[in-house]
Amino acid sequence: MKIFIFLFLVFQIFTNSTTAQSGVVILPPYGGAWFNCTTDIAAVANQSFSIKITDDLAPITPQFGVYHGGNSSIERIQGIGFTVNSLVTSSKVPDTLSGFNNIQPYNFIYYCDTNLIAVTQCDSPFMGLPLQNQTDPEWCIFLSNPFNNSQKAYVSLSHDITSTNAINIDKIVRGNAENINKEHHLLILLILFQMLWEYFY
């Protein structure tokens, strides 16, 4: 029985080590945004995302992306939904919205037709990635709230299973996205260590 539990725990460690980077983010009202950027273009070349509106009571994932408040001087209505787009900038520009205002981004792409209407869910592979030989490229994904009420969204950045280049599953955008199973790994390792200690001593 102990051997079975030991094998199960080892399997859990390897299974959890390939989980996607995910988290709950807040979408500030009045055009506020959450965004995440990376300069490791090769790592995200075969990645995709899944975003959906989630419960307002869901806890926010710490250190996952960057937030920017909206502009309350612009009149907006209450609603549910978000817009999502990506663009390419220079990595030499600070990862702040004011920094982006001072440059000319390119490869500006809206996903799930959110240039026309806000949506409550959007799933797509990453698009508009720069060429790897371009100088100082930085690819960013933006999630914006067009309404006057704050919202929360569940964001999952994961490997695109349709890709033929299955590499860098866990390596993802800068911002130290928290792996939702990080604490689980530690618990499993502690249990595994205790079992080994009791088995050999």
Protein backbone atom coordinates (compact mmCIF):
# COMPACT_ATOMS: atom_id res chain seq x y z
CA MET A 1 0.00 0.00 0.00
CA LYS A 2 2.84 2.38 0.85
CA ILE A 3 4.41 1.79 -2.55
CA PHE A 4 1.11 2.61 -4.26
CA ILE A 5 0.81 5.89 -2.32
CA PHE A 6 4.45 6.69 -3.10
CA LEU A 7 3.89 6.18 -6.84
CA PHE A 8 0.68 8.24 -6.71
CA LEU A 9 2.49 11.17 -5.09
CA VAL A 10 5.31 11.04 -7.64
CA PHE A 11 2.71 11.03 -10.42
CA GLN A 12 1.01 14.05 -8.83
CA ILE A 13 4.27 16.01 -8.83
CA PHE A 14 4.93 15.38 -12.51
CA THR A 15 1.31 16.04 -13.46
CA ASN A 16 1.14 19.32 -11.57
CA SER A 17 4.46 20.54 -12.94
CA THR A 18 2.92 20.89 -16.39
CA THR A 19 -0.19 22.81 -15.42
CA ALA A 20 -0.97 26.09 -17.12
CA GLN A 21 -0.34 29.52 -15.67
CA SER A 22 -3.71 30.69 -14.44
CA GLY A 23 -5.27 33.19 -12.13
CA VAL A 24 -8.12 35.51 -11.25
CA VAL A 25 -7.57 39.15 -12.19
CA ILE A 26 -9.55 42.28 -11.46
CA LEU A 27 -10.73 44.53 -14.28
CA PRO A 28 -10.91 48.09 -12.92
CA PRO A 29 -13.97 50.11 -14.05
CA TYR A 30 -14.09 52.92 -16.60
CA GLY A 31 -11.76 51.37 -19.14
CA GLY A 32 -9.34 49.94 -16.61
CA ALA A 33 -7.12 47.12 -17.77
CA TRP A 34 -5.06 44.09 -16.84
CA PHE A 35 -2.10 43.28 -19.05
CA ASN A 36 0.90 40.99 -19.22
CA CYS A 37 3.97 41.19 -21.45
CA THR A 38 6.88 38.97 -22.45
CA THR A 39 10.12 39.32 -24.37
CA ASP A 40 10.56 35.54 -24.60
CA ILE A 41 8.77 35.24 -27.93
CA ALA A 42 9.90 31.64 -28.49
CA ALA A 43 8.27 30.55 -25.23
CA VAL A 44 4.85 31.91 -26.18
CA ALA A 45 4.94 30.96 -29.86
CA ASN A 46 2.80 27.89 -29.23
CA GLN A 47 0.66 29.22 -26.41
CA SER A 48 -3.03 30.03 -26.19
CA PHE A 49 -5.33 31.70 -23.68
CA SER A 50 -8.75 31.21 -22.19
CA ILE A 51 -10.44 34.13 -20.44
CA LYS A 52 -13.89 34.28 -18.88
CA ILE A 53 -15.77 36.49 -16.46
CA THR A 54 -15.83 34.94 -13.00
CA ASP A 55 -17.48 35.43 -9.61
CA ASP A 56 -16.81 38.78 -7.92
CA LEU A 57 -16.02 36.91 -4.70
CA ALA A 58 -13.15 34.94 -6.27
CA PRO A 59 -9.78 35.87 -4.70
CA ILE A 60 -7.33 37.71 -6.95
CA THR A 61 -4.13 35.86 -7.86
CA PRO A 62 -1.14 37.87 -6.60
CA GLN A 63 1.77 38.89 -8.86
CA PHE A 64 -0.08 37.94 -12.02
CA GLY A 65 0.19 40.70 -14.59
CA VAL A 66 -0.12 44.47 -14.22
CA TYR A 67 -3.20 46.60 -13.53
CA HIS A 68 -4.11 50.08 -14.73
CA GLY A 69 -7.04 52.11 -13.42
CA GLY A 70 -9.65 53.58 -15.73
CA ASN A 71 -10.77 57.14 -16.41
CA SER A 72 -13.93 57.97 -14.47
CA SER A 73 -14.34 61.29 -16.31
CA ILE A 74 -15.59 59.34 -19.32
CA GLU A 75 -19.25 58.38 -19.02
CA ARG A 76 -19.85 54.65 -19.26
CA ILE A 77 -22.73 52.27 -18.62
CA GLN A 78 -22.88 49.29 -16.29
CA GLY A 79 -22.42 45.90 -17.87
CA ILE A 80 -20.66 42.56 -18.02
CA GLY A 81 -17.86 41.67 -20.40
CA PHE A 82 -14.41 42.64 -21.56
CA THR A 83 -12.34 43.37 -24.64
CA VAL A 84 -9.05 41.59 -25.29
CA ASN A 85 -6.24 42.51 -27.65
CA SER A 86 -2.53 42.01 -28.14
CA LEU A 87 0.21 44.21 -29.54
CA VAL A 88 3.96 44.38 -29.97
CA THR A 89 6.10 47.11 -28.43
CA SER A 90 9.74 47.61 -27.51
CA SER A 91 11.02 45.92 -24.36
CA LYS A 92 12.89 49.15 -23.54
CA VAL A 93 9.58 50.86 -22.73
CA PRO A 94 8.39 50.55 -19.09
CA ASP A 95 5.47 48.15 -18.58
CA THR A 96 3.04 50.92 -17.67
CA LEU A 97 0.15 52.31 -19.62
CA SER A 98 1.86 55.71 -19.72
CA GLY A 99 4.92 54.01 -21.17
CA PHE A 100 2.82 52.48 -23.93
CA ASN A 101 1.31 55.88 -24.71
CA ASN A 102 4.75 57.14 -25.74
CA ILE A 103 5.43 54.52 -28.41
CA GLN A 104 3.93 53.28 -31.65
CA PRO A 105 2.77 49.69 -31.13
CA TYR A 106 2.22 47.36 -34.06
CA ASN A 107 0.58 43.99 -34.75
CA PHE A 108 -2.47 45.31 -32.88
CA ILE A 109 -5.00 42.45 -32.84
CA TYR A 110 -8.45 42.15 -31.25
CA TYR A 111 -9.64 38.67 -30.30
CA CYS A 112 -13.16 37.22 -30.40
CA ASP A 113 -14.49 40.30 -32.26
CA THR A 114 -14.14 42.39 -29.09
CA ASN A 115 -13.43 45.44 -31.25
CA LEU A 116 -17.18 45.29 -31.97
CA ILE A 117 -18.69 44.07 -28.70
CA ALA A 118 -17.62 43.08 -25.18
CA VAL A 119 -17.67 39.34 -24.48
CA THR A 120 -17.83 37.24 -21.32
CA GLN A 121 -15.49 34.52 -22.61
CA CYS A 122 -12.72 34.33 -25.20
CA ASP A 123 -10.44 31.43 -26.16
CA SER A 124 -7.72 31.81 -28.77
CA PRO A 125 -4.12 31.02 -29.64
CA PHE A 126 -1.72 33.95 -29.27
CA MET A 127 -1.48 35.91 -32.52
CA GLY A 128 0.57 38.78 -33.90
CA LEU A 129 3.82 37.62 -32.33
CA PRO A 130 6.93 39.44 -33.60
CA LEU A 131 9.72 37.68 -35.44
CA GLN A 132 12.37 36.37 -33.08
CA ASN A 133 15.11 38.28 -34.91
CA GLN A 134 13.43 41.65 -34.36
CA THR A 135 15.24 44.09 -32.07
CA ASP A 136 13.90 44.28 -28.49
CA PRO A 137 10.40 42.96 -29.24
CA GLU A 138 7.87 42.71 -26.44
CA TRP A 139 4.48 41.08 -26.96
CA CYS A 140 1.64 42.09 -24.65
CA ILE A 141 -1.91 40.92 -24.07
CA PHE A 142 -4.48 43.42 -22.75
CA LEU A 143 -7.79 42.75 -21.05
CA SER A 144 -9.95 45.88 -20.74
CA ASN A 145 -13.20 46.67 -18.94
CA PRO A 146 -15.41 49.02 -20.98
CA PHE A 147 -18.03 49.41 -18.22
CA ASN A 148 -18.39 51.57 -15.09
CA ASN A 149 -18.41 48.59 -12.70
CA SER A 150 -15.38 46.53 -11.74
CA GLN A 151 -15.29 42.89 -12.80
CA LYS A 152 -13.15 39.82 -12.28
CA ALA A 153 -11.95 37.39 -14.90
CA TYR A 154 -10.27 34.01 -14.83
CA VAL A 155 -7.25 34.04 -17.15
CA SER A 156 -5.51 30.84 -18.23
CA LEU A 157 -2.36 31.05 -20.34
CA SER A 158 -1.46 27.58 -21.55
CA HIS A 159 0.27 25.47 -24.15
CA ASP A 160 -1.63 25.16 -27.43
CA ILE A 161 -2.34 21.44 -27.68
CA THR A 162 -2.84 21.76 -31.44
CA SER A 163 0.78 22.82 -31.89
CA THR A 164 3.37 20.40 -33.25
CA ASN A 165 6.15 22.08 -31.26
CA ALA A 166 5.32 20.98 -27.75
CA ILE A 167 7.91 22.92 -25.77
CA ASN A 168 8.07 25.36 -22.88
CA ILE A 169 4.71 24.42 -21.41
CA ASP A 170 5.30 26.22 -18.15
CA LYS A 171 7.46 29.11 -19.41
CA ILE A 172 5.11 32.03 -19.91
CA VAL A 173 4.73 35.78 -19.74
CA ARG A 174 6.67 38.04 -17.42
CA GLY A 175 4.82 39.08 -14.31
CA ASN A 176 5.62 35.97 -12.28
CA ALA A 177 2.25 34.40 -12.93
CA GLU A 178 1.51 32.23 -9.96
CA ASN A 179 1.01 28.54 -10.62
CA ILE A 180 -2.25 27.63 -8.92
CA ASN A 181 -0.72 24.36 -7.74
CA LYS A 182 2.52 25.76 -6.25
CA GLU A 183 1.43 25.17 -2.65
CA HIS A 184 0.15 21.73 -3.64
CA HIS A 185 3.64 20.77 -4.85
CA LEU A 186 5.17 21.66 -1.49
CA LEU A 187 2.57 19.66 0.41
CA ILE A 188 3.11 16.60 -1.79
CA LEU A 189 6.88 16.84 -1.36
CA LEU A 190 6.53 17.05 2.43
CA ILE A 191 4.25 14.00 2.52
CA LEU A 192 6.60 12.14 0.21
CA PHE A 193 9.60 13.00 2.38
CA GLN A 194 7.77 11.82 5.51
CA MET A 195 6.85 8.51 3.86
CA LEU A 196 10.42 7.92 2.73
CA TRP A 197 11.68 8.74 6.22
CA GLU A 198 9.29 6.24 7.83
CA TYR A 199 10.07 3.61 5.20
CA PHE A 200 13.84 3.69 5.55
CA TYR A 201 14.17 4.47 9.28
